[in-house]
């Protein structure tokens, strides 16, 4: 289904306006977050409906999970906000890199959705791989955090494997890691499924798109692990005896648990997304290239 950029822009403005307004009313975004969300959604949907789908799958699933177990999260999270309200900084940290990548990719493809095919363009394949890695990382980190904190098991600091309090940056659980894997796979599945309607691929090239699912699943897990390592080392965590919660800033009533106060949560998210996007772009480009001459039977075996 091919559509002109002009038509996609009109559709994008309408859809982005409705979603941004709805999210603001439901407290998923504050006013600044709603405006930033409108901008990045419009960019994604205008660049291609498949890019918009990746953003929206991340946004809707993450927003939904943020509201699961709110009372339990309120008792643990010192920065808890009703509905998980995100501001413009959080929106851009979680979608800014992808917004740049989709513009570059769409410019190179004439603003038409293309299949992953390194024989046609390795640069476009790498850019699309980076976008997939971006949202696999975002989704993986969010699902891991939102579901991991609800787990009955005690988290362990990823750098030492010592038990830590819930809410500690860099603390991981088995449930959280599995959630990250599933979140990444969801992004990959979304890319493949929407591609059936938005991109025309030759049969051998279409089969290669299945590689996105295991790659994005691993990107979700990898992004969550990178985020945890950064959180445990260059993001401060301490226990406040007054608030009786884990906090992210040092203070006279705060006993240090781990990390140093270099980056806040937004900074950690940005760096982990950047690294995961870069790694996924390389993996996507090289794997598609390696399989460019593969027979369908070999390709199917490589995805399992």
Protein backbone atom coordinates (compact mmCIF):
# COMPACT_ATOMS: atom_id res chain seq x y z
CA UNK A 1 0.00 0.00 0.00
CA UNK A 2 1.88 3.05 -1.27
CA UNK A 3 0.79 6.54 -0.25
CA UNK A 4 2.23 9.94 -1.04
CA UNK A 5 4.19 11.84 1.64
CA UNK A 6 1.61 14.65 1.41
CA UNK A 7 -1.27 12.32 2.24
CA UNK A 8 0.72 10.70 5.04
CA UNK A 9 1.43 14.15 6.48
CA UNK A 10 -2.29 14.97 6.65
CA UNK A 11 -3.10 11.59 8.22
CA UNK A 12 -0.12 11.95 10.58
CA UNK A 13 -1.26 15.34 11.88
CA UNK A 14 -4.77 14.04 12.56
CA UNK A 15 -3.65 10.83 14.29
CA UNK A 16 -0.86 12.54 16.26
CA UNK A 17 -3.23 15.26 17.49
CA UNK A 18 -5.78 12.74 18.72
CA UNK A 19 -3.22 10.52 20.45
CA UNK A 20 -1.34 13.44 22.05
CA UNK A 21 -4.59 14.93 23.39
CA UNK A 22 -5.80 11.54 24.67
CA UNK A 23 -2.45 10.86 26.34
CA UNK A 24 -2.49 14.26 28.03
CA UNK A 25 -6.00 13.72 29.34
CA UNK A 26 -5.05 10.27 30.67
CA UNK A 27 -1.87 11.66 32.26
CA UNK A 28 0.46 9.50 30.19
CA UNK A 29 2.06 12.77 29.02
CA UNK A 30 2.15 16.24 30.56
CA UNK A 31 1.60 19.30 28.35
CA UNK A 32 5.21 19.53 27.18
CA UNK A 33 5.28 15.77 26.60
CA UNK A 34 2.08 15.99 24.58
CA UNK A 35 3.54 18.67 22.31
CA UNK A 36 6.80 16.75 21.87
CA UNK A 37 4.84 13.55 21.31
CA UNK A 38 2.77 15.24 18.60
CA UNK A 39 5.96 16.32 16.83
CA UNK A 40 7.74 12.95 16.87
CA UNK A 41 4.57 11.02 15.98
CA UNK A 42 3.98 13.30 13.02
CA UNK A 43 7.56 12.79 11.83
CA UNK A 44 7.34 9.00 12.15
CA UNK A 45 3.95 8.61 10.47
CA UNK A 46 4.87 10.97 7.64
CA UNK A 47 8.11 9.07 7.04
CA UNK A 48 6.17 5.80 6.90
CA UNK A 49 3.25 4.11 8.62
CA UNK A 50 5.52 1.24 9.63
CA UNK A 51 7.83 3.63 11.48
CA UNK A 52 4.79 5.15 13.16
CA UNK A 53 3.64 1.68 14.19
CA UNK A 54 6.93 1.01 15.98
CA UNK A 55 6.65 4.23 17.95
CA UNK A 56 3.00 3.66 18.83
CA UNK A 57 3.51 0.03 19.89
CA UNK A 58 6.25 1.19 22.25
CA UNK A 59 4.19 4.11 23.55
CA UNK A 60 0.90 2.28 24.08
CA UNK A 61 2.34 -0.90 25.62
CA UNK A 62 4.69 1.05 27.89
CA UNK A 63 1.97 3.46 28.99
CA UNK A 64 -0.32 0.55 29.75
CA UNK A 65 2.30 -1.32 31.76
CA UNK A 66 3.23 1.84 33.65
CA UNK A 67 -0.29 1.87 35.11
CA UNK A 68 -0.19 -1.79 36.15
CA UNK A 69 0.33 -2.18 39.90
CA UNK A 70 0.44 1.57 40.52
CA UNK A 71 -0.06 1.25 44.28
CA UNK A 72 2.88 -1.12 44.61
CA UNK A 73 5.05 1.13 42.46
CA UNK A 74 4.02 4.18 44.48
CA UNK A 75 5.46 2.55 47.61
CA UNK A 76 8.77 1.77 45.89
CA UNK A 77 9.42 4.56 43.38
CA UNK A 78 10.45 7.91 44.84
CA UNK A 79 9.74 9.62 41.49
CA UNK A 80 6.37 7.97 40.96
CA UNK A 81 3.87 9.96 38.88
CA UNK A 82 0.24 9.03 38.41
CA UNK A 83 -0.18 7.47 34.97
CA UNK A 84 3.60 7.58 34.47
CA UNK A 85 3.34 11.15 33.15
CA UNK A 86 6.23 11.82 30.74
CA UNK A 87 7.56 15.29 29.89
CA UNK A 88 9.22 16.54 26.70
CA UNK A 89 12.70 15.50 27.86
CA UNK A 90 11.58 11.91 28.39
CA UNK A 91 9.75 11.87 25.06
CA UNK A 92 12.80 13.11 23.15
CA UNK A 93 15.18 10.81 25.02
CA UNK A 94 12.99 7.87 24.00
CA UNK A 95 12.29 8.92 20.42
CA UNK A 96 14.71 11.66 19.36
CA UNK A 97 17.36 9.37 17.85
CA UNK A 98 14.76 7.36 15.94
CA UNK A 99 13.19 10.59 14.62
CA UNK A 100 16.52 11.57 13.06
CA UNK A 101 17.03 8.08 11.63
CA UNK A 102 13.57 7.86 10.04
CA UNK A 103 14.09 11.20 8.31
CA UNK A 104 17.45 10.07 6.90
CA UNK A 105 16.09 6.67 5.85
CA UNK A 106 12.99 8.16 4.21
CA UNK A 107 15.03 10.77 2.36
CA UNK A 108 17.19 8.04 0.86
CA UNK A 109 14.18 5.92 -0.16
CA UNK A 110 12.11 8.76 -1.60
CA UNK A 111 9.72 8.63 1.38
CA UNK A 112 8.51 5.13 0.47
CA UNK A 113 8.60 2.05 2.70
CA UNK A 114 11.33 -0.37 1.67
CA UNK A 115 12.20 -3.92 2.60
CA UNK A 116 15.45 -4.73 4.34
CA UNK A 117 17.73 -5.62 1.46
CA UNK A 118 21.42 -4.75 1.68
CA UNK A 119 21.88 -5.49 -2.03
CA UNK A 120 19.69 -2.48 -2.77
CA UNK A 121 21.09 -0.20 -0.07
CA UNK A 122 23.26 -1.16 2.89
CA UNK A 123 22.90 2.35 4.32
CA UNK A 124 19.09 2.19 4.34
CA UNK A 125 19.23 -1.30 5.86
CA UNK A 126 21.56 -0.04 8.59
CA UNK A 127 19.33 2.98 9.30
CA UNK A 128 16.19 0.86 9.53
CA UNK A 129 18.06 -1.60 11.74
CA UNK A 130 18.97 1.29 14.03
CA UNK A 131 15.33 2.36 14.26
CA UNK A 132 14.27 -1.17 15.14
CA UNK A 133 17.04 -1.39 17.73
CA UNK A 134 15.99 1.96 19.15
CA UNK A 135 12.43 0.89 19.91
CA UNK A 136 13.44 -2.63 20.93
CA UNK A 137 15.71 -1.02 23.54
CA UNK A 138 13.04 1.45 24.70
CA UNK A 139 10.41 -1.24 24.92
CA UNK A 140 12.75 -3.74 26.55
CA UNK A 141 13.91 -1.31 29.22
CA UNK A 142 10.37 -0.12 30.02
CA UNK A 143 8.79 -3.59 30.14
CA UNK A 144 11.69 -4.84 32.24
CA UNK A 145 11.38 -1.98 34.73
CA UNK A 146 7.60 -1.91 34.95
CA UNK A 147 7.15 -5.68 35.30
CA UNK A 148 10.39 -6.39 37.15
CA UNK A 149 9.43 -4.15 40.06
CA UNK A 150 6.21 -6.14 40.46
CA UNK A 151 8.10 -9.43 40.69
CA UNK A 152 8.14 -11.16 44.08
CA UNK A 153 11.83 -11.99 43.66
CA UNK A 154 14.43 -9.59 45.03
CA UNK A 155 16.47 -7.82 42.36
CA UNK A 156 20.23 -8.25 42.15
CA UNK A 157 22.69 -5.57 41.14
CA UNK A 158 23.90 -6.50 37.66
CA UNK A 159 27.54 -5.63 38.39
CA UNK A 160 27.92 -7.63 41.62
CA UNK A 161 24.85 -9.91 41.66
CA UNK A 162 24.26 -8.87 45.27
CA UNK A 163 20.62 -8.50 46.40
CA UNK A 164 19.42 -4.87 46.41
CA UNK A 165 16.20 -3.05 47.24
CA UNK A 166 13.51 -2.72 44.59
CA UNK A 167 13.90 0.52 42.67
CA UNK A 168 17.70 0.39 42.72
CA UNK A 169 19.20 1.46 39.40
CA UNK A 170 20.94 -1.54 37.85
CA UNK A 171 18.88 -4.07 39.76
CA UNK A 172 17.66 -6.95 37.60
CA UNK A 173 15.26 -9.86 38.02
CA UNK A 174 14.65 -12.93 35.91
CA UNK A 175 11.12 -11.75 35.20
CA UNK A 176 12.42 -8.35 34.10
CA UNK A 177 14.94 -9.84 31.67
CA UNK A 178 12.33 -12.13 30.13
CA UNK A 179 10.03 -9.13 29.78
CA UNK A 180 12.78 -7.25 27.91
CA UNK A 181 13.20 -10.16 25.51
CA UNK A 182 9.44 -10.30 24.86
CA UNK A 183 9.27 -6.51 24.44
CA UNK A 184 11.99 -6.55 21.80
CA UNK A 185 10.31 -9.41 19.93
CA UNK A 186 7.05 -7.42 19.94
CA UNK A 187 8.78 -4.55 18.15
CA UNK A 188 10.25 -6.93 15.57
CA UNK A 189 6.91 -8.63 15.01
CA UNK A 190 5.26 -5.26 14.51
CA UNK A 191 7.83 -4.31 11.89
CA UNK A 192 7.32 -7.56 9.98
CA UNK A 193 3.51 -7.57 10.18
CA UNK A 194 3.06 -3.95 9.08
CA UNK A 195 5.54 -4.52 6.28
CA UNK A 196 3.08 -6.96 4.72
CA UNK A 197 0.80 -4.00 4.00
CA UNK A 198 3.25 -1.15 3.44
CA UNK A 199 6.16 -2.63 1.47
CA UNK A 200 6.44 -4.71 -1.66
CA UNK A 201 9.17 -7.33 -1.44
CA UNK A 202 10.35 -10.08 -3.74
CA UNK A 203 9.73 -13.53 -2.23
CA UNK A 204 13.36 -14.13 -1.25
CA UNK A 205 13.72 -10.63 0.20
CA UNK A 206 10.41 -10.91 2.07
CA UNK A 207 11.67 -14.02 3.81
CA UNK A 208 14.70 -12.15 5.08
CA UNK A 209 12.45 -9.78 7.02
CA UNK A 210 11.85 -12.60 9.52
CA UNK A 211 15.39 -12.00 10.79
CA UNK A 212 14.09 -8.82 12.39
CA UNK A 213 12.17 -10.74 15.06
CA UNK A 214 15.11 -12.57 16.74
CA UNK A 215 17.39 -9.56 16.20
CA UNK A 216 14.93 -7.18 17.86
CA UNK A 217 14.30 -9.63 20.70
CA UNK A 218 18.02 -9.68 21.43
CA UNK A 219 18.15 -5.89 21.05
CA UNK A 220 15.44 -5.58 23.70
CA UNK A 221 17.42 -7.76 26.09
CA UNK A 222 20.74 -6.12 25.21
CA UNK A 223 19.30 -2.62 25.63
CA UNK A 224 17.92 -3.53 29.04
CA UNK A 225 21.29 -4.97 30.12
CA UNK A 226 23.20 -1.92 28.89
CA UNK A 227 20.76 0.33 30.73
CA UNK A 228 21.22 -1.73 33.89
CA UNK A 229 25.02 -1.63 33.71
CA UNK A 230 24.98 2.14 33.23
CA UNK A 231 22.43 2.50 36.01
CA UNK A 232 24.57 0.49 38.40
CA UNK A 233 27.76 2.43 37.67
CA UNK A 234 27.22 6.03 36.56
CA UNK A 235 23.76 6.63 38.07
CA UNK A 236 23.43 7.09 41.81
CA UNK A 237 21.14 4.97 43.95
CA UNK A 238 20.71 5.42 47.69
CA UNK A 239 18.20 4.63 50.42
CA UNK A 240 16.55 7.60 52.11
CA UNK A 241 15.82 6.90 55.77
CA UNK A 242 13.20 9.68 55.88
CA UNK A 243 11.20 8.75 52.79
CA UNK A 244 11.95 5.05 53.30
CA UNK A 245 12.55 4.68 49.56
CA UNK A 246 15.36 4.29 47.08
CA UNK A 247 16.27 7.70 45.64
CA UNK A 248 18.46 8.88 42.80
CA UNK A 249 20.27 11.77 44.46
CA UNK A 250 22.76 11.93 47.38
CA UNK A 251 21.71 13.69 50.56
CA UNK A 252 22.29 13.89 54.33
CA UNK A 253 19.63 11.24 55.01
CA UNK A 254 20.63 9.02 52.08
CA UNK A 255 22.81 5.93 52.37
CA UNK A 256 24.53 5.04 49.12
CA UNK A 257 23.65 1.71 47.50
CA UNK A 258 25.49 1.92 44.19
CA UNK A 259 26.75 4.13 41.38
CA UNK A 260 28.03 7.67 41.12
CA UNK A 261 25.95 10.74 40.32
CA UNK A 262 26.97 11.36 36.69
CA UNK A 263 23.84 10.69 34.65
CA UNK A 264 20.18 10.78 35.60
CA UNK A 265 17.61 8.31 34.30
CA UNK A 266 17.05 10.27 31.09
CA UNK A 267 20.77 10.37 30.37
CA UNK A 268 21.14 6.64 30.97
CA UNK A 269 18.19 5.92 28.69
CA UNK A 270 19.65 8.09 25.93
CA UNK A 271 23.08 6.44 26.05
CA UNK A 272 21.68 2.91 26.17
CA UNK A 273 19.36 3.65 23.24
CA UNK A 274 22.23 5.15 21.25
CA UNK A 275 24.48 2.13 21.83
CA UNK A 276 21.72 -0.40 21.12
CA UNK A 277 20.67 1.41 17.94
CA UNK A 278 24.26 1.40 16.70
CA UNK A 279 24.81 -2.28 17.49
CA UNK A 280 21.49 -3.34 15.97
CA UNK A 281 22.16 -1.37 12.78
CA UNK A 282 25.45 -3.24 12.31
CA UNK A 283 23.93 -6.64 13.09
CA UNK A 284 20.96 -6.05 10.77
CA UNK A 285 23.12 -4.87 7.90
CA UNK A 286 25.68 -7.68 8.19
CA UNK A 287 23.15 -10.49 8.70
CA UNK A 288 21.04 -9.38 5.74
CA UNK A 289 24.22 -9.11 3.66
CA UNK A 290 25.44 -12.58 4.71
CA UNK A 291 22.11 -14.06 3.69
CA UNK A 292 21.74 -12.13 0.47
CA UNK A 293 22.61 -15.19 -1.59
CA UNK A 294 21.18 -17.76 0.80
CA UNK A 295 18.52 -20.21 -0.25
CA UNK A 296 15.13 -19.94 1.51
CA UNK A 297 15.72 -23.18 3.44
CA UNK A 298 18.98 -21.85 4.84
CA UNK A 299 17.37 -18.58 5.72
CA UNK A 300 14.60 -20.29 7.68
CA UNK A 301 17.18 -22.28 9.64
CA UNK A 302 19.10 -19.08 10.43
CA UNK A 303 16.08 -17.48 12.09
CA UNK A 304 15.49 -20.41 14.44
